[in-house]
């Protein structure tokens, strides 16, 4: 992928992204920029060589866990956990999501499910004893996490339509139901399972540990996108979970929404990463591919596609940088992350289509990488709330009228 030295950029960055046209990375302080560059080197030198073969096979390379463990990148957003002290800014964690997705969306999703959805659920929803019990091993990546909310018969209606149930029996909870599309669940040590309490009808969170009887994850096969991620369909049959494994600060779906607000912003950064990677591939190809005796990058129509792509990327950068600032200030709301997710994923779809178009027939070959970006974009477009649902969240905010059915 394309990197271009820019010695005039302030600070120590020596391989700034070509797609960072307005130099947004220069907003990071030096210590955080060093972390970003470490991640960039890891993705480029160690992880990218693993991607295409495993994507084609639909296999998760277990060595990814060791590579991330050695990198020290897990746990950065959480004060007191992980190698980075104080906790990393939301701008850095967003740029890390971009960086990983710029190489491969499946790898970024594996890491994001563990470091974001699972760890943040425990950090935000657990009490101090639970944080100290689970998060150190997760930050070291000695234990891997997953997040189980989506169900086979549900999607956008998850807030009011969750079918998985929890029934309390003394100091034990009994879980029954099913979950679908749960990344990492086939091998995760801790799976945060969301279920509706039969007694008060509120959604609660439970950490199901590997090996608990009745917990049965089965890998989903034949996926068109995210082929490296081991998504699972989970059946829960009388899974007995101790009260000590119920996230103590989660008492309703309103508490769960606090978690989804933060993770939705991370998906918007992933969409920017997809755009960035696709644009870089298309730009490299346009510089090298010869037609009519000259590089196709010299043709007006190709330049038009590239510039439109760069415009989408640059606009998305600006939105997400400000969103990260709102997060760091503690004043961002559901509609802020929803607008970012809806807007950036829509722009992403345009960019991957334009980028694939530049490749012509070669654009459907995995050998050129762009086909993988094109396919994976569809998954990012759909999860963490569809464009339509996120639009309605923003619409309610600006009009004061709810259009939800």
Protein backbone atom coordinates (compact mmCIF):
# COMPACT_ATOMS: atom_id res chain seq x y z
CA UNK A 1 0.00 0.00 0.00
CA UNK A 2 1.12 3.52 -0.72
CA UNK A 3 3.07 5.59 1.79
CA UNK A 4 4.85 8.79 0.87
CA UNK A 5 7.61 10.46 2.91
CA UNK A 6 6.71 14.01 3.91
CA UNK A 7 9.72 15.52 5.70
CA UNK A 8 7.94 18.85 6.13
CA UNK A 9 5.25 17.32 8.36
CA UNK A 10 5.86 18.25 12.03
CA UNK A 11 7.03 15.51 14.36
CA UNK A 12 8.60 12.10 13.80
CA UNK A 13 6.16 10.62 11.24
CA UNK A 14 8.18 9.39 8.28
CA UNK A 15 5.63 7.34 6.37
CA UNK A 16 2.42 9.35 6.48
CA UNK A 17 -0.50 7.99 4.48
CA UNK A 18 -0.97 9.28 0.96
CA UNK A 19 -4.69 9.36 1.67
CA UNK A 20 -4.19 11.69 4.67
CA UNK A 21 -4.30 14.67 2.32
CA UNK A 22 -4.84 17.26 5.06
CA UNK A 23 -2.27 15.74 7.47
CA UNK A 24 -4.72 14.73 10.19
CA UNK A 25 -2.18 12.37 11.73
CA UNK A 26 -0.13 15.38 12.79
CA UNK A 27 -2.82 16.08 15.41
CA UNK A 28 -1.54 13.17 17.51
CA UNK A 29 1.07 13.95 20.18
CA UNK A 30 4.45 12.35 19.57
CA UNK A 31 3.98 9.44 21.99
CA UNK A 32 0.71 8.42 20.38
CA UNK A 33 2.10 8.83 16.88
CA UNK A 34 4.82 6.36 17.77
CA UNK A 35 2.15 3.84 18.79
CA UNK A 36 0.37 4.38 15.47
CA UNK A 37 3.58 3.86 13.51
CA UNK A 38 4.28 0.67 15.46
CA UNK A 39 0.86 -0.61 14.45
CA UNK A 40 1.50 0.42 10.84
CA UNK A 41 4.75 -1.55 10.74
CA UNK A 42 3.09 -4.59 12.35
CA UNK A 43 0.24 -4.61 9.82
CA UNK A 44 2.52 -4.04 6.84
CA UNK A 45 5.40 -6.38 7.70
CA UNK A 46 3.90 -9.21 9.75
CA UNK A 47 0.15 -9.37 9.16
CA UNK A 48 -0.43 -8.40 5.53
CA UNK A 49 1.50 -11.46 4.24
CA UNK A 50 -1.01 -13.69 6.08
CA UNK A 51 -4.15 -12.09 4.75
CA UNK A 52 -5.03 -13.19 1.22
CA UNK A 53 -4.36 -16.89 1.62
CA UNK A 54 -6.41 -17.11 4.81
CA UNK A 55 -9.14 -14.87 3.40
CA UNK A 56 -9.47 -17.21 0.41
CA UNK A 57 -9.62 -20.27 2.67
CA UNK A 58 -11.96 -18.63 5.17
CA UNK A 59 -9.50 -19.47 7.93
CA UNK A 60 -8.39 -17.56 11.01
CA UNK A 61 -4.59 -17.69 11.41
CA UNK A 62 -4.05 -18.31 15.11
CA UNK A 63 -0.61 -16.65 14.93
CA UNK A 64 -2.46 -13.31 14.80
CA UNK A 65 -3.05 -13.61 18.54
CA UNK A 66 0.67 -13.91 19.25
CA UNK A 67 1.53 -11.04 16.92
CA UNK A 68 -0.93 -8.73 18.66
CA UNK A 69 0.18 -10.00 22.06
CA UNK A 70 3.78 -9.03 21.29
CA UNK A 71 2.74 -5.62 19.95
CA UNK A 72 1.25 -4.39 23.23
CA UNK A 73 -1.61 -2.70 21.36
CA UNK A 74 -4.44 -4.28 23.35
CA UNK A 75 -5.89 -2.47 26.35
CA UNK A 76 -4.72 0.98 25.29
CA UNK A 77 -8.06 2.77 25.83
CA UNK A 78 -8.43 1.57 29.43
CA UNK A 79 -6.77 3.38 32.30
CA UNK A 80 -4.73 0.95 34.35
CA UNK A 81 -4.81 -1.84 31.76
CA UNK A 82 -2.44 -2.26 28.83
CA UNK A 83 0.97 -0.74 28.18
CA UNK A 84 -0.06 2.83 27.37
CA UNK A 85 -0.39 5.16 30.33
CA UNK A 86 -2.45 7.22 30.65
CA UNK A 87 -5.26 5.72 28.59
CA UNK A 88 -4.96 6.34 24.86
CA UNK A 89 -7.08 9.13 23.37
CA UNK A 90 -10.11 8.33 21.26
CA UNK A 91 -8.26 9.91 18.35
CA UNK A 92 -5.47 7.34 18.64
CA UNK A 93 -7.81 4.39 19.07
CA UNK A 94 -9.78 5.58 16.04
CA UNK A 95 -6.65 5.92 13.94
CA UNK A 96 -5.54 2.45 15.04
CA UNK A 97 -8.85 1.04 13.79
CA UNK A 98 -8.29 2.87 10.51
CA UNK A 99 -4.74 1.54 10.28
CA UNK A 100 -5.70 -2.06 10.85
CA UNK A 101 -8.65 -1.94 8.45
CA UNK A 102 -6.47 -0.27 5.83
CA UNK A 103 -4.62 -3.60 5.68
CA UNK A 104 -7.53 -5.97 6.29
CA UNK A 105 -11.02 -5.53 7.71
CA UNK A 106 -11.21 -9.08 9.09
CA UNK A 107 -8.05 -8.66 11.15
CA UNK A 108 -9.24 -5.27 12.37
CA UNK A 109 -12.58 -6.78 13.35
CA UNK A 110 -10.97 -9.64 15.28
CA UNK A 111 -8.98 -7.06 17.24
CA UNK A 112 -11.90 -4.65 17.55
CA UNK A 113 -14.28 -7.30 18.91
CA UNK A 114 -11.72 -8.26 21.55
CA UNK A 115 -10.25 -4.86 22.43
CA UNK A 116 -13.42 -2.84 21.84
CA UNK A 117 -16.71 -4.65 22.22
CA UNK A 118 -15.66 -7.27 24.77
CA UNK A 119 -13.16 -5.31 26.84
CA UNK A 120 -15.22 -2.12 26.82
CA UNK A 121 -18.31 -4.03 27.93
CA UNK A 122 -16.39 -5.26 30.97
CA UNK A 123 -14.64 -1.94 31.58
CA UNK A 124 -17.86 0.06 31.32
CA UNK A 125 -20.39 -2.47 32.56
CA UNK A 126 -18.42 -4.34 35.21
CA UNK A 127 -17.52 -3.32 38.73
CA UNK A 128 -13.92 -2.91 39.88
CA UNK A 129 -13.57 -6.52 40.97
CA UNK A 130 -14.73 -7.74 37.55
CA UNK A 131 -12.40 -5.37 35.71
CA UNK A 132 -9.46 -6.58 37.75
CA UNK A 133 -10.47 -10.21 37.30
CA UNK A 134 -10.74 -10.23 33.51
CA UNK A 135 -9.11 -7.20 31.89
CA UNK A 136 -5.39 -7.74 32.71
CA UNK A 137 -5.33 -11.08 30.89
CA UNK A 138 -7.35 -9.61 28.02
CA UNK A 139 -5.03 -6.60 27.73
CA UNK A 140 -2.11 -9.03 27.55
CA UNK A 141 -4.10 -11.07 25.00
CA UNK A 142 -3.60 -14.16 27.11
CA UNK A 143 -7.39 -14.39 27.06
CA UNK A 144 -9.56 -13.46 24.06
CA UNK A 145 -13.00 -11.88 24.24
CA UNK A 146 -16.18 -11.89 22.17
CA UNK A 147 -19.47 -9.98 22.26
CA UNK A 148 -22.77 -11.77 21.70
CA UNK A 149 -25.78 -9.57 21.06
CA UNK A 150 -27.17 -10.20 17.55
CA UNK A 151 -29.64 -13.07 17.24
CA UNK A 152 -30.68 -15.34 14.35
CA UNK A 153 -34.21 -13.94 14.20
CA UNK A 154 -33.40 -10.36 15.20
CA UNK A 155 -31.43 -7.40 13.94
CA UNK A 156 -32.41 -3.77 14.21
CA UNK A 157 -35.08 -4.66 16.79
CA UNK A 158 -32.52 -5.87 19.32
CA UNK A 159 -33.48 -3.27 21.95
CA UNK A 160 -37.04 -4.54 22.31
CA UNK A 161 -36.91 -7.91 20.60
CA UNK A 162 -34.13 -9.83 22.33
CA UNK A 163 -35.18 -13.47 22.64
CA UNK A 164 -32.29 -14.85 24.67
CA UNK A 165 -33.41 -15.09 28.28
CA UNK A 166 -31.81 -15.12 31.71
CA UNK A 167 -33.53 -16.65 34.73
CA UNK A 168 -32.11 -16.23 38.20
CA UNK A 169 -31.89 -19.22 40.53
CA UNK A 170 -30.23 -18.14 43.77
CA UNK A 171 -26.67 -17.04 42.99
CA UNK A 172 -26.83 -18.51 39.48
CA UNK A 173 -28.32 -17.31 36.21
CA UNK A 174 -29.63 -19.75 33.61
CA UNK A 175 -29.28 -18.56 30.00
CA UNK A 176 -31.28 -19.92 27.08
CA UNK A 177 -31.46 -18.75 23.48
CA UNK A 178 -29.31 -18.22 20.41
CA UNK A 179 -26.88 -15.64 19.00
CA UNK A 180 -25.56 -15.17 15.47
CA UNK A 181 -22.63 -13.45 13.73
CA UNK A 182 -20.55 -13.49 16.91
CA UNK A 183 -16.92 -12.80 16.00
CA UNK A 184 -14.19 -14.74 17.85
CA UNK A 185 -16.78 -16.87 19.64
CA UNK A 186 -15.46 -20.22 18.39
CA UNK A 187 -12.22 -19.79 20.35
CA UNK A 188 -12.86 -16.93 22.80
CA UNK A 189 -12.14 -17.41 26.48
CA UNK A 190 -14.77 -14.87 27.57
CA UNK A 191 -17.99 -14.16 25.67
CA UNK A 192 -20.13 -11.23 26.84
CA UNK A 193 -23.67 -12.52 26.30
CA UNK A 194 -26.66 -10.19 26.43
CA UNK A 195 -29.96 -11.62 27.61
CA UNK A 196 -33.36 -10.42 28.78
CA UNK A 197 -34.09 -10.99 32.46
CA UNK A 198 -37.32 -13.01 32.69
CA UNK A 199 -38.17 -11.28 35.96
CA UNK A 200 -37.93 -7.56 35.12
CA UNK A 201 -37.70 -7.76 31.27
CA UNK A 202 -34.47 -5.70 31.23
CA UNK A 203 -31.38 -6.62 29.21
CA UNK A 204 -28.38 -7.69 31.27
CA UNK A 205 -24.82 -8.74 30.43
CA UNK A 206 -23.10 -11.99 31.42
CA UNK A 207 -19.53 -13.16 30.92
CA UNK A 208 -19.73 -16.76 29.73
CA UNK A 209 -16.39 -18.51 30.10
CA UNK A 210 -15.04 -21.12 27.73
CA UNK A 211 -16.14 -24.61 28.65
CA UNK A 212 -19.34 -23.70 30.48
CA UNK A 213 -21.84 -26.52 29.76
CA UNK A 214 -24.63 -25.70 27.32
CA UNK A 215 -22.66 -23.04 25.42
CA UNK A 216 -22.28 -24.25 21.83
CA UNK A 217 -20.65 -21.98 19.19
CA UNK A 218 -20.57 -23.20 15.57
CA UNK A 219 -18.53 -21.42 12.91
CA UNK A 220 -20.56 -19.81 10.13
CA UNK A 221 -19.29 -20.91 6.71
CA UNK A 222 -19.67 -19.62 3.13
CA UNK A 223 -19.37 -15.92 3.94
CA UNK A 224 -18.80 -13.37 1.18
CA UNK A 225 -17.07 -10.90 3.52
CA UNK A 226 -14.92 -10.91 6.68
CA UNK A 227 -13.77 -14.37 5.74
CA UNK A 228 -10.88 -14.41 8.22
CA UNK A 229 -13.15 -13.61 11.18
CA UNK A 230 -14.58 -16.71 12.84
CA UNK A 231 -18.19 -15.64 13.22
CA UNK A 232 -20.30 -18.14 15.09
CA UNK A 233 -23.90 -19.07 15.61
CA UNK A 234 -24.28 -19.83 19.31
CA UNK A 235 -26.86 -22.01 21.00
CA UNK A 236 -27.30 -21.48 24.75
CA UNK A 237 -29.04 -24.37 26.50
CA UNK A 238 -29.43 -23.96 30.27
CA UNK A 239 -26.03 -22.29 30.54
CA UNK A 240 -25.46 -21.69 34.25
CA UNK A 241 -23.55 -18.49 34.97
CA UNK A 242 -22.72 -17.30 38.50
CA UNK A 243 -24.01 -13.94 39.71
CA UNK A 244 -20.34 -12.93 39.97
CA UNK A 245 -20.21 -13.10 36.15
CA UNK A 246 -23.15 -10.73 35.64
CA UNK A 247 -21.89 -7.28 34.69
CA UNK A 248 -22.87 -5.34 37.76
CA UNK A 249 -23.32 -1.91 36.16
CA UNK A 250 -25.66 -3.08 33.38
CA UNK A 251 -29.30 -2.88 34.44
CA UNK A 252 -31.15 -2.07 31.21
CA UNK A 253 -30.68 -1.64 27.47
CA UNK A 254 -30.02 2.05 28.14
CA UNK A 255 -26.74 0.97 29.78
CA UNK A 256 -25.96 -1.25 26.79
CA UNK A 257 -26.55 1.72 24.47
CA UNK A 258 -23.68 3.53 26.19
CA UNK A 259 -21.39 0.75 24.97
CA UNK A 260 -22.82 0.70 21.44
CA UNK A 261 -22.42 4.47 21.13
CA UNK A 262 -18.65 4.13 21.56
CA UNK A 263 -18.22 1.03 19.42
CA UNK A 264 -20.32 2.52 16.59
CA UNK A 265 -17.77 5.31 16.32
CA UNK A 266 -15.06 2.66 15.96
CA UNK A 267 -16.90 1.11 13.02
CA UNK A 268 -16.96 4.51 11.30
CA UNK A 269 -13.16 4.60 11.66
CA UNK A 270 -13.03 1.10 10.14
CA UNK A 271 -15.03 2.38 7.17
CA UNK A 272 -12.47 5.14 6.72
CA UNK A 273 -9.77 2.46 6.82
CA UNK A 274 -11.51 0.53 4.05
CA UNK A 275 -11.71 3.69 1.94
CA UNK A 276 -8.08 4.49 2.59
CA UNK A 277 -6.83 1.03 1.67
CA UNK A 278 -8.96 0.85 -1.48
CA UNK A 279 -7.89 4.31 -2.63
CA UNK A 280 -4.20 3.52 -2.08
CA UNK A 281 -4.50 0.33 -4.09
CA UNK A 282 -6.28 2.15 -6.92
CA UNK A 283 -3.76 4.98 -6.94
CA UNK A 284 -0.82 2.57 -7.13
CA UNK A 285 -2.53 0.66 -9.92
CA UNK A 286 -3.32 3.84 -11.86
CA UNK A 287 0.34 4.85 -11.71
CA UNK A 288 1.55 1.46 -12.95
CA UNK A 289 -1.10 0.14 -15.35
CA UNK A 290 -0.30 1.02 -18.97
CA UNK A 291 -2.96 1.54 -21.63
CA UNK A 292 -2.50 3.25 -25.00
CA UNK A 293 1.18 3.66 -24.19
CA UNK A 294 0.80 5.58 -20.93
CA UNK A 295 -0.23 5.03 -17.29
CA UNK A 296 -4.01 5.10 -16.87
CA UNK A 297 -3.51 7.63 -14.07
CA UNK A 298 -2.96 10.20 -16.82
CA UNK A 299 -6.52 9.84 -18.13
CA UNK A 300 -9.14 12.35 -17.06
CA UNK A 301 -11.82 9.84 -16.10
CA UNK A 302 -9.45 7.88 -13.88
CA UNK A 303 -8.29 11.05 -12.16
CA UNK A 304 -11.92 11.99 -11.60
CA UNK A 305 -12.56 8.71 -9.76
CA UNK A 306 -9.41 9.14 -7.67
CA UNK A 307 -10.19 12.73 -6.71
CA UNK A 308 -13.80 11.91 -5.79
CA UNK A 309 -12.47 9.10 -3.61
CA UNK A 310 -9.96 11.39 -1.95
CA UNK A 311 -12.72 13.92 -1.30
CA UNK A 312 -14.83 11.29 0.47
CA UNK A 313 -11.85 10.20 2.54
CA UNK A 314 -10.88 13.74 3.53
CA UNK A 315 -14.44 14.69 4.50
CA UNK A 316 -14.73 11.52 6.59
CA UNK A 317 -11.42 12.26 8.32
CA UNK A 318 -12.73 15.67 9.39
CA UNK A 319 -15.95 14.24 10.79
CA UNK A 320 -14.21 11.47 12.73
CA UNK A 321 -11.49 13.69 14.16
CA UNK A 322 -14.14 15.98 15.63
CA UNK A 323 -16.13 12.98 16.86
CA UNK A 324 -13.03 11.75 18.71
CA UNK A 325 -12.67 15.17 20.31
CA UNK A 326 -16.28 15.03 21.48
CA UNK A 327 -15.60 11.58 22.94
CA UNK A 328 -12.47 12.76 24.74
CA UNK A 329 -14.45 15.68 26.15
CA UNK A 330 -17.20 13.34 27.33
CA UNK A 331 -19.94 15.22 25.49
CA UNK A 332 -20.68 13.01 22.49
CA UNK A 333 -24.15 11.55 22.10
CA UNK A 334 -25.83 8.68 20.23
CA UNK A 335 -26.68 10.90 17.26
CA UNK A 336 -23.03 11.94 16.88
CA UNK A 337 -21.76 8.39 16.41
CA UNK A 338 -24.85 7.42 14.37
CA UNK A 339 -24.33 10.25 11.88
CA UNK A 340 -20.68 9.28 11.50
CA UNK A 341 -21.49 5.61 10.97
CA UNK A 342 -24.24 6.33 8.44
CA UNK A 343 -22.30 8.96 6.50
CA UNK A 344 -18.85 7.39 6.43
CA UNK A 345 -20.06 3.90 5.48
CA UNK A 346 -22.08 5.38 2.62
CA UNK A 347 -19.01 7.23 1.36
CA UNK A 348 -17.02 4.01 1.80
CA UNK A 349 -19.32 2.15 -0.57
CA UNK A 350 -18.72 4.77 -3.24
CA UNK A 351 -14.95 4.69 -2.83
CA UNK A 352 -14.56 0.91 -2.99
CA UNK A 353 -16.76 0.81 -6.10
CA UNK A 354 -14.77 3.57 -7.82
CA UNK A 355 -11.49 1.95 -6.78
CA UNK A 356 -12.53 -1.46 -8.08
CA UNK A 357 -13.64 0.22 -11.32
CA UNK A 358 -10.13 1.55 -11.90
CA UNK A 359 -8.81 -2.03 -11.85
CA UNK A 360 -11.17 -3.14 -14.62
CA UNK A 361 -11.26 -6.92 -14.93
CA UNK A 362 -8.35 -7.26 -12.52
CA UNK A 363 -10.63 -5.82 -9.84
CA UNK A 364 -12.31 -9.17 -9.28
CA UNK A 365 -9.02 -10.97 -8.56
CA UNK A 366 -7.93 -11.45 -4.98
CA UNK A 367 -4.34 -11.15 -6.22
CA UNK A 368 -4.85 -7.39 -6.47
CA UNK A 369 -6.42 -7.07 -2.98
CA UNK A 370 -9.16 -4.68 -4.10
CA UNK A 371 -11.78 -7.45 -4.41
CA UNK A 372 -11.32 -8.19 -0.71
CA UNK A 373 -11.90 -4.54 0.19
CA UNK A 374 -14.97 -4.41 -2.04
CA UNK A 375 -16.50 -7.47 -0.35
CA UNK A 376 -15.59 -6.56 3.21
CA UNK A 377 -17.10 -3.10 2.83
CA UNK A 378 -20.55 -4.67 2.67
CA UNK A 379 -20.19 -6.14 6.15
CA UNK A 380 -19.04 -2.83 7.63
CA UNK A 381 -21.94 -1.08 5.92
CA UNK A 382 -24.42 -3.37 7.70
CA UNK A 383 -23.22 -4.03 11.23
CA UNK A 384 -23.36 -1.77 14.31
CA UNK A 385 -26.67 -0.41 13.05
CA UNK A 386 -27.76 -0.16 9.43
CA UNK A 387 -27.65 3.16 7.62
CA UNK A 388 -31.42 3.42 7.94
CA UNK A 389 -31.48 2.84 11.70
CA UNK A 390 -28.65 5.28 12.32
CA UNK A 391 -30.43 7.81 10.11
CA UNK A 392 -33.54 7.54 12.28
CA UNK A 393 -31.50 8.09 15.45
CA UNK A 394 -30.14 11.32 13.99
CA UNK A 395 -33.56 12.24 12.58
CA UNK A 396 -35.16 11.94 16.00
CA UNK A 397 -32.43 14.15 17.46
CA UNK A 398 -32.83 16.99 14.97
CA UNK A 399 -36.64 16.97 14.68
CA UNK A 400 -37.69 15.85 18.12
CA UNK A 401 -39.97 13.28 16.46
CA UNK A 402 -39.42 9.53 16.58
CA UNK A 403 -39.91 7.74 13.26
CA UNK A 404 -39.19 4.28 14.67
CA UNK A 405 -41.95 1.75 14.11
